[in-house]
C-alpha atoms as a PDB file:
ATOM      1  CA  PHE A   1      -3.158  24.682  -3.129  1.00  0.00           C
ATOM      2  CA  HIS A   2      -1.097  21.955  -1.435  1.00  0.00           C
ATOM      3  CA  LYS A   3      -2.113  20.583   1.858  1.00  0.00           C
ATOM      4  CA  LYS A   4       0.325  18.503   4.040  1.00  0.00           C
ATOM      5  CA  LEU A   5      -1.291  15.358   5.071  1.00  0.00           C
ATOM      6  CA  SER A   6      -0.974  13.976   8.534  1.00  0.00           C
ATOM      7  CA  VAL A   7      -0.209  10.239   9.139  1.00  0.00           C
ATOM      8  CA  ASP A   8      -3.828   9.785  10.147  1.00  0.00           C
ATOM      9  CA  ASP A   9      -5.024  11.503   6.871  1.00  0.00           C
ATOM     10  CA  LEU A  10      -2.836   9.069   4.859  1.00  0.00           C
ATOM     11  CA  VAL A  11      -4.004   5.971   6.733  1.00  0.00           C
ATOM     12  CA  SER A  12      -7.641   7.038   6.496  1.00  0.00           C
ATOM     13  CA  ARG A  13      -7.195   7.443   2.750  1.00  0.00           C
ATOM     14  CA  HIS A  14      -5.554   4.112   2.485  1.00  0.00           C
ATOM     15  CA  ILE A  15      -8.532   2.429   4.366  1.00  0.00           C
ATOM     16  CA  TRP A  16     -11.060   4.250   2.009  1.00  0.00           C
ATOM     17  CA  GLN A  17      -9.058   3.006  -1.104  1.00  0.00           C
ATOM     18  CA  GLN A  18      -8.811  -0.672   0.299  1.00  0.00           C
ATOM     19  CA  GLN A  19     -12.641  -0.576   1.046  1.00  0.00           C
ATOM     20  CA  ILE A  20     -13.320   0.613  -2.560  1.00  0.00           C
ATOM     21  CA  MET A  21     -11.207  -2.406  -3.831  1.00  0.00           C
ATOM     22  CA  ALA A  22     -13.132  -4.787  -1.480  1.00  0.00           C
ATOM     23  CA  ASP A  23     -16.343  -3.471  -2.948  1.00  0.00           C
ATOM     24  CA  ARG A  24     -15.080  -3.865  -6.446  1.00  0.00           C
ATOM     25  CA  PHE A  25     -14.161  -7.521  -5.651  1.00  0.00           C
ATOM     26  CA  LYS A  26     -17.752  -8.160  -4.718  1.00  0.00           C
ATOM     27  CA  TYR A  27     -19.082  -6.378  -7.719  1.00  0.00           C
ATOM     28  CA  SER A  28     -17.056  -8.456 -10.074  1.00  0.00           C
ATOM     29  CA  LEU A  29     -18.824 -11.549  -8.643  1.00  0.00           C
ATOM     30  CA  LYS A  30     -22.117 -10.097  -9.463  1.00  0.00           C
ATOM     31  CA  LYS A  31     -21.254  -8.699 -12.997  1.00  0.00           C
ATOM     32  CA  PHE A  32     -18.861 -11.360 -14.330  1.00  0.00           C
ATOM     33  CA  GLY A  33     -19.641 -14.491 -12.084  1.00  0.00           C
ATOM     34  CA  LYS A  34     -16.050 -14.521 -10.997  1.00  0.00           C
ATOM     35  CA  TYR A  35     -14.808 -13.139  -7.730  1.00  0.00           C
ATOM     36  CA  VAL A  36     -11.647 -11.188  -8.154  1.00  0.00           C
ATOM     37  CA  GLU A  37      -9.709 -11.288  -4.852  1.00  0.00           C
ATOM     38  CA  LYS A  38      -6.246  -9.952  -5.731  1.00  0.00           C
ATOM     39  CA  GLN A  39      -4.923  -6.513  -6.608  1.00  0.00           C
ATOM     40  CA  ILE A  40      -1.869  -5.198  -8.192  1.00  0.00           C
ATOM     41  CA  VAL A  41      -0.318  -1.999  -6.851  1.00  0.00           C
ATOM     42  CA  VAL A  42       2.105   0.175  -8.601  1.00  0.00           C
ATOM     43  CA  PHE A  43       4.125   2.836  -6.644  1.00  0.00           C
ATOM     44  CA  ASP A  44       5.728   5.573  -8.749  1.00  0.00           C
ATOM     45  CA  LEU A  45       8.454   7.087  -6.570  1.00  0.00           C
ATOM     46  CA  GLU A  46       9.598   9.766  -8.987  1.00  0.00           C
ATOM     47  CA  GLY A  47      10.326  12.799  -7.131  1.00  0.00           C
ATOM     48  CA  ILE A  48      10.581  11.229  -3.698  1.00  0.00           C
ATOM     49  CA  SER A  49      13.198  12.848  -1.511  1.00  0.00           C
ATOM     50  CA  TYR A  50      16.420  11.084  -0.726  1.00  0.00           C
ATOM     51  CA  GLY A  51      15.902  11.416   3.073  1.00  0.00           C
ATOM     52  CA  ILE A  52      13.726   8.903   4.947  1.00  0.00           C
ATOM     53  CA  GLN A  53      10.809  10.678   6.501  1.00  0.00           C
ATOM     54  CA  PRO A  54       9.774   9.147   9.933  1.00  0.00           C
ATOM     55  CA  ALA A  55       6.177  10.243   9.407  1.00  0.00           C
ATOM     56  CA  ALA A  56       6.045   8.491   6.000  1.00  0.00           C
ATOM     57  CA  LEU A  57       7.438   5.340   7.507  1.00  0.00           C
ATOM     58  CA  GLN A  58       4.937   5.456  10.316  1.00  0.00           C
ATOM     59  CA  ALA A  59       2.178   5.783   7.842  1.00  0.00           C
ATOM     60  CA  PHE A  60       3.447   2.969   5.643  1.00  0.00           C
ATOM     61  CA  LYS A  61       3.862   0.745   8.635  1.00  0.00           C
ATOM     62  CA  LYS A  62       0.285   1.385   9.754  1.00  0.00           C
ATOM     63  CA  CYS A  63      -1.083   0.769   6.364  1.00  0.00           C
ATOM     64  CA  ILE A  64       0.860  -2.625   6.233  1.00  0.00           C
ATOM     65  CA  GLU A  65      -0.567  -3.587   9.647  1.00  0.00           C
ATOM     66  CA  ILE A  66      -4.079  -2.732   8.493  1.00  0.00           C
ATOM     67  CA  ASP A  67      -3.832  -4.677   5.135  1.00  0.00           C
ATOM     68  CA  GLN A  68      -2.486  -7.698   7.018  1.00  0.00           C
ATOM     69  CA  SER A  69      -5.200  -7.530   9.590  1.00  0.00           C
ATOM     70  CA  PHE A  70      -8.310  -6.629   7.451  1.00  0.00           C
ATOM     71  CA  TYR A  71      -7.440  -7.265   3.947  1.00  0.00           C
ATOM     72  CA  PRO A  72      -5.168 -10.380   4.136  1.00  0.00           C
ATOM     73  CA  GLU A  73      -4.011 -12.255   1.047  1.00  0.00           C
ATOM     74  CA  THR A  74      -5.557  -9.563  -1.273  1.00  0.00           C
ATOM     75  CA  LEU A  75      -2.133  -8.334  -2.788  1.00  0.00           C
ATOM     76  CA  GLN A  76      -1.147 -10.125  -5.982  1.00  0.00           C
ATOM     77  CA  ALA A  77       1.968  -7.907  -6.604  1.00  0.00           C
ATOM     78  CA  VAL A  78       3.599  -4.599  -5.983  1.00  0.00           C
ATOM     79  CA  PHE A  79       5.687  -2.859  -8.385  1.00  0.00           C
ATOM     80  CA  PHE A  80       7.956   0.159  -7.617  1.00  0.00           C
ATOM     81  CA  ILE A  81       8.910   2.320 -10.570  1.00  0.00           C
ATOM     82  CA  ASN A  82      11.295   5.224 -10.822  1.00  0.00           C
ATOM     83  CA  ILE A  83      12.986   4.260  -7.596  1.00  0.00           C
ATOM     84  CA  PRO A  84      15.706   6.499  -5.954  1.00  0.00           C
ATOM     85  CA  VAL A  85      18.958   5.086  -4.971  1.00  0.00           C
ATOM     86  CA  ILE A  86      18.071   5.226  -1.331  1.00  0.00           C
ATOM     87  CA  PHE A  87      15.258   2.591  -2.069  1.00  0.00           C
ATOM     88  CA  LYS A  88      17.463  -0.368  -1.114  1.00  0.00           C
ATOM     89  CA  ALA A  89      17.997   1.097   2.329  1.00  0.00           C
ATOM     90  CA  LEU A  90      14.335   1.948   2.668  1.00  0.00           C
ATOM     91  CA  TRP A  91      13.333  -1.571   1.737  1.00  0.00           C
ATOM     92  CA  ALA A  92      15.558  -3.009   4.469  1.00  0.00           C
ATOM     93  CA  VAL A  93      13.645  -0.981   6.985  1.00  0.00           C
ATOM     94  CA  VAL A  94      10.224  -1.746   5.554  1.00  0.00           C
ATOM     95  CA  LYS A  95      10.653  -5.479   4.583  1.00  0.00           C
ATOM     96  CA  PRO A  96      10.488  -6.836   8.257  1.00  0.00           C
ATOM     97  CA  TRP A  97       7.138  -5.164   8.833  1.00  0.00           C
ATOM     98  CA  ILE A  98       5.526  -7.395   6.051  1.00  0.00           C
ATOM     99  CA  ASP A  99       4.340 -10.983   6.588  1.00  0.00           C
ATOM    100  CA  PRO A 100       6.949 -13.290   5.164  1.00  0.00           C
ATOM    101  CA  VAL A 101       4.176 -15.116   3.072  1.00  0.00           C
ATOM    102  CA  THR A 102       3.630 -11.787   1.224  1.00  0.00           C
ATOM    103  CA  VAL A 103       7.292 -10.867   0.567  1.00  0.00           C
END
């Protein structure tokens, strides 16, 4: 069974994942006596279609806005693996949405 997710579904899932990370940051302080405040994210783009989907861009932009507003400075690094040729063009569209300090 494959369900097509809406932009709101994707954004809600992202917020849920970010909140789990925030809770894990707090847990690390209790368990290890050290507050972990950065995360590393890996995007595996294998199988991504070569066309730019407006809904996917809309969801990605909303997630970036949420992260910058509610989870600032928590990203240590992002790695993209198995990137398609179209990725450079896609990055040119997405990069302006990201805080220059982050890029």
